[in-house]
Amino acid sequence: MPPVIFQVAGYKNSGKTTWLKAMINYASQLERVVCIKHHGHKEPLAQDHGDTDSLQLYGSGAYAMSVTGAYETQIMIDRELSLPELIHWYSYLNPDLILIEGFKNENYPKVVLIKSEEDKGLLKLANIKFIIVWDPAIALNVDVPVFDINFWQDHMETIYNYIIEEERK
């Protein structure tokens, strides 16, 4: 069975990473979860531990570098991969659920986080399955479930089941 793919979209500091961390924590107790994050900035990705052998080898000009051991693998590639390429690559790991932060214009099912009135433009995105709002007074006029940022975790099981069941139909 192919993995369920689900996105979280929102502007900076809207709670995307917080939502993902909570959902990964919950879902990973039940399934194999993969997470893909889009780095939507112009500056290069930060490299931790610049003095490691693997980063020194990668920095020497290797197009790709991997290091594996102690039950972990890290891979660095000298090019940006598209979302379809990342999903295809991760499919070899047989995940049950792929959660994506960013890539908001892709057509995968998604939750949208609305922090202020200015964020309502996100409601034009395709395939919104539910919304989390910071201010319940924001009038949304939508046909999908809306959760308050302060209480959505009370509905974690319902949200998780909705994501899984809807997308496995």
N, C-alpha and C. Protein backbone atom coordinates (compact mmCIF):
# COMPACT_ATOMS: atom_id res chain seq x y z
N MET A 1 0.85 -1.17 0.00
CA MET A 1 0.00 0.00 0.00
C MET A 1 0.90 1.24 0.00
N PRO A 2 0.62 2.20 -0.91
CA PRO A 2 1.44 3.42 -0.93
C PRO A 2 1.23 4.24 0.33
N PRO A 3 2.22 5.05 0.65
CA PRO A 3 2.09 5.86 1.88
C PRO A 3 1.04 6.95 1.72
N VAL A 4 0.46 7.34 2.83
CA VAL A 4 -0.38 8.52 2.88
C VAL A 4 0.56 9.72 2.88
N ILE A 5 0.23 10.72 2.08
CA ILE A 5 1.04 11.94 2.01
C ILE A 5 0.17 13.09 2.48
N PHE A 6 0.69 13.87 3.43
CA PHE A 6 -0.08 14.97 4.01
C PHE A 6 0.85 16.14 4.30
N GLN A 7 0.40 17.35 3.97
CA GLN A 7 1.20 18.56 4.14
C GLN A 7 0.70 19.43 5.27
N VAL A 8 1.58 20.26 5.78
CA VAL A 8 1.21 21.37 6.65
C VAL A 8 1.73 22.63 5.98
N ALA A 9 0.82 23.62 5.86
CA ALA A 9 1.18 24.88 5.21
C ALA A 9 0.83 26.05 6.11
N GLY A 10 1.63 27.07 6.04
CA GLY A 10 1.41 28.28 6.83
C GLY A 10 2.61 29.18 6.67
N TYR A 11 2.46 30.41 7.08
CA TYR A 11 3.57 31.33 7.00
C TYR A 11 4.51 31.15 8.19
N LYS A 12 5.63 31.86 8.15
CA LYS A 12 6.66 31.76 9.19
C LYS A 12 6.05 32.00 10.58
N ASN A 13 6.47 31.17 11.52
CA ASN A 13 6.05 31.25 12.93
C ASN A 13 4.55 31.03 13.14
N SER A 14 3.95 30.26 12.25
CA SER A 14 2.52 29.98 12.39
C SER A 14 2.25 28.69 13.16
N GLY A 15 3.31 27.91 13.45
CA GLY A 15 3.12 26.68 14.20
C GLY A 15 3.29 25.41 13.39
N LYS A 16 3.82 25.52 12.18
CA LYS A 16 3.98 24.34 11.31
C LYS A 16 4.86 23.27 11.96
N THR A 17 6.01 23.67 12.44
CA THR A 17 6.93 22.70 13.03
C THR A 17 6.36 22.12 14.32
N THR A 18 5.70 22.94 15.11
CA THR A 18 5.06 22.45 16.33
C THR A 18 4.00 21.42 15.99
N TRP A 19 3.18 21.70 14.96
CA TRP A 19 2.16 20.75 14.54
C TRP A 19 2.80 19.44 14.08
N LEU A 20 3.85 19.57 13.25
CA LEU A 20 4.52 18.37 12.74
C LEU A 20 5.14 17.54 13.87
N LYS A 21 5.80 18.19 14.79
CA LYS A 21 6.42 17.45 15.90
C LYS A 21 5.38 16.65 16.67
N ALA A 22 4.24 17.28 16.96
CA ALA A 22 3.19 16.59 17.70
C ALA A 22 2.60 15.44 16.88
N MET A 23 2.36 15.67 15.59
CA MET A 23 1.79 14.63 14.75
C MET A 23 2.78 13.48 14.56
N ILE A 24 4.04 13.80 14.37
CA ILE A 24 5.05 12.74 14.23
C ILE A 24 5.14 11.94 15.52
N ASN A 25 5.14 12.62 16.66
CA ASN A 25 5.20 11.94 17.94
C ASN A 25 4.03 10.96 18.10
N TYR A 26 2.84 11.40 17.71
CA TYR A 26 1.65 10.55 17.83
C TYR A 26 1.68 9.42 16.79
N ALA A 27 1.86 9.77 15.53
CA ALA A 27 1.76 8.80 14.44
C ALA A 27 2.88 7.77 14.47
N SER A 28 4.06 8.17 14.91
CA SER A 28 5.20 7.23 14.89
C SER A 28 5.04 6.10 15.91
N GLN A 29 4.10 6.23 16.81
CA GLN A 29 3.80 5.14 17.72
C GLN A 29 2.96 4.07 17.04
N LEU A 30 2.38 4.41 15.88
CA LEU A 30 1.48 3.52 15.17
C LEU A 30 2.00 3.11 13.80
N GLU A 31 2.83 3.95 13.18
CA GLU A 31 3.25 3.73 11.82
C GLU A 31 4.67 4.23 11.59
N ARG A 32 5.20 3.88 10.42
CA ARG A 32 6.50 4.41 10.00
C ARG A 32 6.27 5.76 9.33
N VAL A 33 6.84 6.80 9.92
CA VAL A 33 6.60 8.17 9.47
C VAL A 33 7.89 8.76 8.89
N VAL A 34 7.75 9.41 7.75
CA VAL A 34 8.83 10.15 7.12
C VAL A 34 8.41 11.62 7.11
N CYS A 35 9.35 12.52 7.29
CA CYS A 35 9.06 13.95 7.26
C CYS A 35 9.98 14.62 6.25
N ILE A 36 9.38 15.47 5.41
CA ILE A 36 10.13 16.25 4.43
C ILE A 36 9.87 17.72 4.74
N LYS A 37 10.94 18.50 4.84
CA LYS A 37 10.80 19.93 5.14
C LYS A 37 11.40 20.74 4.00
N HIS A 38 10.65 21.73 3.56
CA HIS A 38 11.16 22.64 2.53
C HIS A 38 11.89 23.80 3.20
N HIS A 39 13.09 24.06 2.76
CA HIS A 39 13.88 25.19 3.25
C HIS A 39 13.60 26.35 2.31
N GLY A 40 12.68 27.21 2.68
CA GLY A 40 12.23 28.27 1.79
C GLY A 40 13.03 29.55 1.88
N HIS A 41 14.32 29.43 2.11
CA HIS A 41 15.17 30.61 2.24
C HIS A 41 16.27 30.56 1.19
N LYS A 42 16.87 31.71 0.90
CA LYS A 42 17.93 31.77 -0.12
C LYS A 42 19.28 31.26 0.38
N GLU A 43 19.52 31.40 1.70
CA GLU A 43 20.82 30.98 2.21
C GLU A 43 20.91 29.45 2.26
N PRO A 44 22.11 28.91 2.11
CA PRO A 44 22.29 27.45 2.11
C PRO A 44 21.89 26.83 3.45
N LEU A 45 21.62 25.54 3.40
CA LEU A 45 21.31 24.81 4.63
C LEU A 45 22.52 24.84 5.55
N ALA A 46 22.27 24.95 6.83
CA ALA A 46 23.35 24.95 7.82
C ALA A 46 23.87 23.53 7.98
N GLN A 47 25.17 23.40 8.09
CA GLN A 47 25.79 22.10 8.31
C GLN A 47 26.30 22.06 9.74
N ASP A 48 25.86 21.09 10.48
CA ASP A 48 26.32 20.93 11.85
C ASP A 48 27.66 20.18 11.87
N HIS A 49 28.43 20.43 12.87
CA HIS A 49 29.68 19.70 13.12
C HIS A 49 30.61 19.74 11.92
N GLY A 50 31.00 20.94 11.51
CA GLY A 50 31.83 21.13 10.34
C GLY A 50 33.15 20.42 10.38
N ASP A 51 33.56 19.90 11.52
CA ASP A 51 34.85 19.23 11.60
C ASP A 51 34.74 17.71 11.46
N THR A 52 33.54 17.17 11.14
CA THR A 52 33.42 15.72 11.00
C THR A 52 34.05 15.27 9.70
N ASP A 53 34.52 14.03 9.68
CA ASP A 53 35.11 13.48 8.46
C ASP A 53 34.15 13.54 7.29
N SER A 54 32.87 13.19 7.53
CA SER A 54 31.91 13.15 6.43
C SER A 54 31.72 14.54 5.82
N LEU A 55 31.62 15.58 6.64
CA LEU A 55 31.46 16.93 6.08
C LEU A 55 32.74 17.41 5.41
N GLN A 56 33.88 17.00 5.91
CA GLN A 56 35.12 17.37 5.26
C GLN A 56 35.21 16.72 3.87
N LEU A 57 34.79 15.45 3.78
CA LEU A 57 34.81 14.76 2.48
C LEU A 57 33.80 15.40 1.53
N TYR A 58 32.63 15.70 2.02
CA TYR A 58 31.60 16.34 1.21
C TYR A 58 32.09 17.72 0.75
N GLY A 59 32.70 18.46 1.66
CA GLY A 59 33.23 19.78 1.35
C GLY A 59 34.41 19.77 0.40
N SER A 60 35.02 18.62 0.23
CA SER A 60 36.16 18.50 -0.69
C SER A 60 35.71 18.44 -2.14
N GLY A 61 34.39 18.33 -2.35
CA GLY A 61 33.89 18.34 -3.72
C GLY A 61 33.04 17.15 -4.10
N ALA A 62 32.80 16.25 -3.18
CA ALA A 62 31.95 15.10 -3.51
C ALA A 62 30.55 15.59 -3.87
N TYR A 63 29.98 15.04 -4.95
CA TYR A 63 28.62 15.40 -5.36
C TYR A 63 27.59 14.91 -4.34
N ALA A 64 27.88 13.76 -3.75
CA ALA A 64 27.00 13.19 -2.72
C ALA A 64 27.88 12.51 -1.69
N MET A 65 27.39 12.46 -0.49
CA MET A 65 28.14 11.86 0.61
C MET A 65 27.14 11.24 1.57
N SER A 66 27.44 10.06 2.05
CA SER A 66 26.60 9.47 3.08
C SER A 66 27.49 8.89 4.16
N VAL A 67 26.94 8.86 5.34
CA VAL A 67 27.61 8.23 6.46
C VAL A 67 26.55 7.38 7.17
N THR A 68 26.92 6.18 7.51
CA THR A 68 25.97 5.29 8.16
C THR A 68 26.64 4.55 9.29
N GLY A 69 25.89 4.27 10.31
CA GLY A 69 26.39 3.56 11.47
C GLY A 69 25.53 3.89 12.69
N ALA A 70 25.65 3.09 13.70
CA ALA A 70 24.91 3.30 14.95
C ALA A 70 23.42 3.47 14.68
N TYR A 71 22.91 2.68 13.72
CA TYR A 71 21.48 2.64 13.40
C TYR A 71 20.95 3.93 12.77
N GLU A 72 21.83 4.73 12.16
CA GLU A 72 21.41 5.96 11.49
C GLU A 72 22.17 6.11 10.18
N THR A 73 21.58 6.86 9.25
CA THR A 73 22.23 7.20 7.99
C THR A 73 21.96 8.66 7.69
N GLN A 74 23.00 9.38 7.29
CA GLN A 74 22.86 10.76 6.84
C GLN A 74 23.33 10.82 5.40
N ILE A 75 22.58 11.55 4.57
CA ILE A 75 22.92 11.68 3.16
C ILE A 75 22.94 13.17 2.81
N MET A 76 23.99 13.59 2.12
CA MET A 76 24.09 14.96 1.64
C MET A 76 24.28 14.89 0.12
N ILE A 77 23.52 15.69 -0.60
CA ILE A 77 23.59 15.71 -2.05
C ILE A 77 23.77 17.16 -2.47
N ASP A 78 24.63 17.38 -3.44
CA ASP A 78 24.96 18.73 -3.87
C ASP A 78 23.97 19.24 -4.92
N ARG A 79 22.69 19.13 -4.61
CA ARG A 79 21.65 19.72 -5.44
C ARG A 79 20.33 19.66 -4.69
N GLU A 80 19.45 20.58 -5.03
CA GLU A 80 18.12 20.58 -4.43
C GLU A 80 17.25 19.54 -5.14
N LEU A 81 16.54 18.73 -4.37
CA LEU A 81 15.64 17.75 -4.94
C LEU A 81 14.21 18.29 -4.93
N SER A 82 13.44 17.94 -5.93
CA SER A 82 12.04 18.34 -5.98
C SER A 82 11.24 17.47 -5.01
N LEU A 83 10.05 17.92 -4.68
CA LEU A 83 9.21 17.13 -3.79
C LEU A 83 8.91 15.75 -4.39
N PRO A 84 8.53 15.64 -5.67
CA PRO A 84 8.32 14.29 -6.22
C PRO A 84 9.56 13.40 -6.13
N GLU A 85 10.74 13.97 -6.34
CA GLU A 85 11.97 13.18 -6.22
C GLU A 85 12.16 12.70 -4.78
N LEU A 86 11.91 13.58 -3.80
CA LEU A 86 12.06 13.18 -2.40
C LEU A 86 11.05 12.09 -2.02
N ILE A 87 9.82 12.26 -2.46
CA ILE A 87 8.80 11.24 -2.17
C ILE A 87 9.19 9.91 -2.80
N HIS A 88 9.65 9.95 -4.04
CA HIS A 88 10.09 8.72 -4.71
C HIS A 88 11.25 8.07 -3.95
N TRP A 89 12.22 8.89 -3.56
CA TRP A 89 13.37 8.36 -2.84
C TRP A 89 12.94 7.71 -1.52
N TYR A 90 12.08 8.40 -0.76
CA TYR A 90 11.63 7.87 0.52
C TYR A 90 10.73 6.65 0.37
N SER A 91 10.12 6.47 -0.79
CA SER A 91 9.25 5.31 -0.97
C SER A 91 10.04 4.00 -0.82
N TYR A 92 11.34 4.04 -1.06
CA TYR A 92 12.16 2.84 -0.88
C TYR A 92 12.26 2.41 0.58
N LEU A 93 11.93 3.32 1.49
CA LEU A 93 11.96 2.99 2.92
C LEU A 93 10.63 2.44 3.42
N ASN A 94 9.65 2.34 2.52
CA ASN A 94 8.32 1.80 2.84
C ASN A 94 7.64 2.51 4.01
N PRO A 95 7.53 3.83 3.97
CA PRO A 95 6.82 4.52 5.05
C PRO A 95 5.32 4.31 4.92
N ASP A 96 4.62 4.47 6.03
CA ASP A 96 3.16 4.45 6.01
C ASP A 96 2.61 5.85 5.81
N LEU A 97 3.35 6.84 6.30
CA LEU A 97 2.90 8.22 6.29
C LEU A 97 4.07 9.14 5.96
N ILE A 98 3.88 10.03 4.98
CA ILE A 98 4.87 11.05 4.66
C ILE A 98 4.25 12.39 5.00
N LEU A 99 4.85 13.09 5.95
CA LEU A 99 4.40 14.41 6.35
C LEU A 99 5.34 15.45 5.75
N ILE A 100 4.76 16.51 5.20
CA ILE A 100 5.54 17.51 4.47
C ILE A 100 5.29 18.88 5.08
N GLU A 101 6.38 19.58 5.39
CA GLU A 101 6.28 20.97 5.83
C GLU A 101 6.71 21.85 4.66
N GLY A 102 5.81 22.72 4.25
CA GLY A 102 6.12 23.61 3.15
C GLY A 102 5.62 23.06 1.82
N PHE A 103 6.25 23.49 0.73
CA PHE A 103 5.80 23.13 -0.62
C PHE A 103 4.31 23.43 -0.76
N LYS A 104 3.87 24.55 -0.20
CA LYS A 104 2.43 24.83 -0.03
C LYS A 104 1.64 24.81 -1.32
N ASN A 105 2.26 25.04 -2.46
CA ASN A 105 1.51 25.06 -3.72
C ASN A 105 1.34 23.68 -4.35
N GLU A 106 1.89 22.67 -3.72
CA GLU A 106 1.66 21.30 -4.21
C GLU A 106 0.22 20.90 -3.90
N ASN A 107 -0.27 19.89 -4.60
CA ASN A 107 -1.68 19.52 -4.52
C ASN A 107 -1.98 18.41 -3.52
N TYR A 108 -1.07 18.10 -2.63
CA TYR A 108 -1.34 17.05 -1.65
C TYR A 108 -2.33 17.56 -0.60
N PRO A 109 -3.06 16.65 0.05
CA PRO A 109 -3.95 17.06 1.13
C PRO A 109 -3.15 17.78 2.21
N LYS A 110 -3.80 18.80 2.82
CA LYS A 110 -3.02 19.60 3.76
C LYS A 110 -3.87 20.21 4.86
N VAL A 111 -3.19 20.54 5.96
CA VAL A 111 -3.72 21.41 7.00
C VAL A 111 -3.07 22.77 6.77
N VAL A 112 -3.87 23.82 6.98
CA VAL A 112 -3.35 25.19 6.85
C VAL A 112 -3.45 25.86 8.21
N LEU A 113 -2.37 26.54 8.61
CA LEU A 113 -2.36 27.29 9.86
C LEU A 113 -2.55 28.76 9.56
N ILE A 114 -3.57 29.34 10.16
CA ILE A 114 -3.91 30.75 9.96
C ILE A 114 -3.64 31.48 11.27
N LYS A 115 -2.63 32.35 11.25
CA LYS A 115 -2.26 33.09 12.45
C LYS A 115 -2.97 34.43 12.54
N SER A 116 -3.25 35.06 11.40
CA SER A 116 -3.87 36.38 11.41
C SER A 116 -4.72 36.55 10.16
N GLU A 117 -5.46 37.64 10.12
CA GLU A 117 -6.29 37.95 8.95
C GLU A 117 -5.46 37.95 7.66
N GLU A 118 -4.22 38.42 7.75
CA GLU A 118 -3.35 38.50 6.58
C GLU A 118 -3.05 37.13 5.98
N ASP A 119 -3.20 36.07 6.77
CA ASP A 119 -2.88 34.72 6.31
C ASP A 119 -4.02 34.08 5.53
N LYS A 120 -5.17 34.75 5.46
CA LYS A 120 -6.34 34.15 4.82
C LYS A 120 -6.13 33.86 3.34
N GLY A 121 -5.13 34.46 2.72
CA GLY A 121 -4.80 34.15 1.33
C GLY A 121 -4.44 32.68 1.15
N LEU A 122 -3.97 32.05 2.22
CA LEU A 122 -3.63 30.62 2.16
C LEU A 122 -4.86 29.75 1.90
N LEU A 123 -6.03 30.29 2.15
CA LEU A 123 -7.26 29.51 1.94
C LEU A 123 -7.51 29.23 0.46
N LYS A 124 -6.73 29.87 -0.42
CA LYS A 124 -6.83 29.60 -1.86
C LYS A 124 -6.03 28.38 -2.27
N LEU A 125 -5.24 27.83 -1.35
CA LEU A 125 -4.44 26.65 -1.68
C LEU A 125 -5.36 25.46 -1.99
N ALA A 126 -4.85 24.56 -2.78
CA ALA A 126 -5.62 23.38 -3.16
C ALA A 126 -5.59 22.32 -2.07
N ASN A 127 -6.65 21.58 -1.98
CA ASN A 127 -6.72 20.34 -1.20
C ASN A 127 -6.59 20.54 0.31
N ILE A 128 -7.17 21.60 0.84
CA ILE A 128 -7.16 21.84 2.29
C ILE A 128 -8.16 20.90 2.94
N LYS A 129 -7.72 20.15 3.92
CA LYS A 129 -8.58 19.18 4.61
C LYS A 129 -9.06 19.70 5.96
N PHE A 130 -8.27 20.54 6.62
CA PHE A 130 -8.70 21.22 7.83
C PHE A 130 -7.78 22.40 8.10
N ILE A 131 -8.20 23.24 9.02
CA ILE A 131 -7.51 24.49 9.30
C ILE A 131 -7.30 24.62 10.81
N ILE A 132 -6.18 25.19 11.20
CA ILE A 132 -5.92 25.52 12.60
C ILE A 132 -5.75 27.03 12.66
N VAL A 133 -6.53 27.67 13.52
CA VAL A 133 -6.49 29.13 13.63
C VAL A 133 -5.95 29.56 14.98
N TRP A 134 -5.24 30.67 14.97
CA TRP A 134 -4.74 31.26 16.21
C TRP A 134 -5.81 32.09 16.88
N ASP A 135 -6.67 32.68 16.09
CA ASP A 135 -7.73 33.54 16.63
C ASP A 135 -9.07 33.02 16.11
N PRO A 136 -9.86 32.39 16.99
CA PRO A 136 -11.14 31.83 16.54
C PRO A 136 -12.12 32.89 16.02
N ALA A 137 -11.84 34.16 16.26
CA ALA A 137 -12.72 35.23 15.79
C ALA A 137 -12.51 35.53 14.29
N ILE A 138 -11.45 34.99 13.71
CA ILE A 138 -11.21 35.22 12.28
C ILE A 138 -12.30 34.48 11.50
N ALA A 139 -13.04 35.20 10.71
CA ALA A 139 -14.12 34.60 9.91
C ALA A 139 -13.52 33.92 8.69
N LEU A 140 -13.75 32.62 8.56
CA LEU A 140 -13.13 31.88 7.48
C LEU A 140 -14.12 31.46 6.38
N ASN A 141 -15.35 31.17 6.72
CA ASN A 141 -16.35 30.72 5.74
C ASN A 141 -15.81 29.58 4.89
N VAL A 142 -15.47 28.46 5.54
CA VAL A 142 -14.92 27.29 4.86
C VAL A 142 -15.78 26.07 5.13
N ASP A 143 -15.61 25.06 4.29
CA ASP A 143 -16.36 23.82 4.42
C ASP A 143 -15.51 22.68 4.96
N VAL A 144 -14.47 23.01 5.71
CA VAL A 144 -13.60 21.99 6.31
C VAL A 144 -13.54 22.25 7.81
N PRO A 145 -13.17 21.24 8.60
CA PRO A 145 -13.06 21.45 10.04
C PRO A 145 -12.02 22.52 10.39
N VAL A 146 -12.33 23.30 11.43
CA VAL A 146 -11.44 24.35 11.91
C VAL A 146 -11.17 24.08 13.39
N PHE A 147 -9.89 24.07 13.75
CA PHE A 147 -9.47 23.82 15.13
C PHE A 147 -8.76 25.04 15.69
N ASP A 148 -8.96 25.32 16.95
CA ASP A 148 -8.29 26.40 17.66
C ASP A 148 -6.87 25.93 17.99
N ILE A 149 -5.88 26.80 17.77
CA ILE A 149 -4.48 26.46 18.04
C ILE A 149 -4.27 26.00 19.48
N ASN A 150 -5.09 26.49 20.40
CA ASN A 150 -4.93 26.15 21.81
C ASN A 150 -5.53 24.79 22.18
N PHE A 151 -6.34 24.23 21.28
CA PHE A 151 -7.05 23.00 21.64
C PHE A 151 -6.93 21.88 20.61
N TRP A 152 -6.22 22.10 19.51
CA TRP A 152 -6.19 21.08 18.47
C TRP A 152 -5.58 19.78 18.97
N GLN A 153 -4.62 19.84 19.91
CA GLN A 153 -4.00 18.60 20.39
C GLN A 153 -4.98 17.74 21.17
N ASP A 154 -6.07 18.35 21.68
CA ASP A 154 -7.11 17.57 22.33
C ASP A 154 -7.82 16.66 21.33
N HIS A 155 -7.66 16.96 20.05
CA HIS A 155 -8.32 16.21 18.97
C HIS A 155 -7.32 15.42 18.13
N MET A 156 -6.14 15.15 18.69
CA MET A 156 -5.07 14.49 17.93
C MET A 156 -5.53 13.18 17.31
N GLU A 157 -6.18 12.33 18.08
CA GLU A 157 -6.61 11.04 17.54
C GLU A 157 -7.59 11.23 16.39
N THR A 158 -8.53 12.14 16.54
CA THR A 158 -9.51 12.42 15.48
C THR A 158 -8.81 12.94 14.23
N ILE A 159 -7.89 13.87 14.40
CA ILE A 159 -7.17 14.44 13.26
C ILE A 159 -6.33 13.37 12.58
N TYR A 160 -5.61 12.59 13.37
CA TYR A 160 -4.78 11.52 12.80
C TYR A 160 -5.65 10.53 12.02
N ASN A 161 -6.73 10.09 12.62
CA ASN A 161 -7.61 9.12 11.95
C ASN A 161 -8.20 9.71 10.67
N TYR A 162 -8.55 10.97 10.71
CA TYR A 162 -9.08 11.62 9.52
C TYR A 162 -8.03 11.61 8.40
N ILE A 163 -6.81 11.98 8.72
CA ILE A 163 -5.74 11.99 7.72
C ILE A 163 -5.57 10.61 7.12
N ILE A 164 -5.44 9.61 7.96
CA ILE A 164 -5.16 8.25 7.50
C ILE A 164 -6.35 7.66 6.75
N GLU A 165 -7.53 7.74 7.34
CA GLU A 165 -8.70 7.10 6.74
C GLU A 165 -9.11 7.78 5.44
N GLU A 166 -9.11 9.11 5.42
CA GLU A 166 -9.50 9.83 4.20
C GLU A 166 -8.57 9.52 3.06
N GLU A 167 -7.29 9.47 3.34
CA GLU A 167 -6.31 9.31 2.26
C GLU A 167 -6.12 7.86 1.85
N ARG A 168 -6.56 6.92 2.64
CA ARG A 168 -6.44 5.50 2.27
C ARG A 168 -7.68 4.99 1.55
N LYS A 169 -8.66 5.84 1.36
CA LYS A 169 -9.88 5.42 0.66
C LYS A 169 -9.58 5.09 -0.79
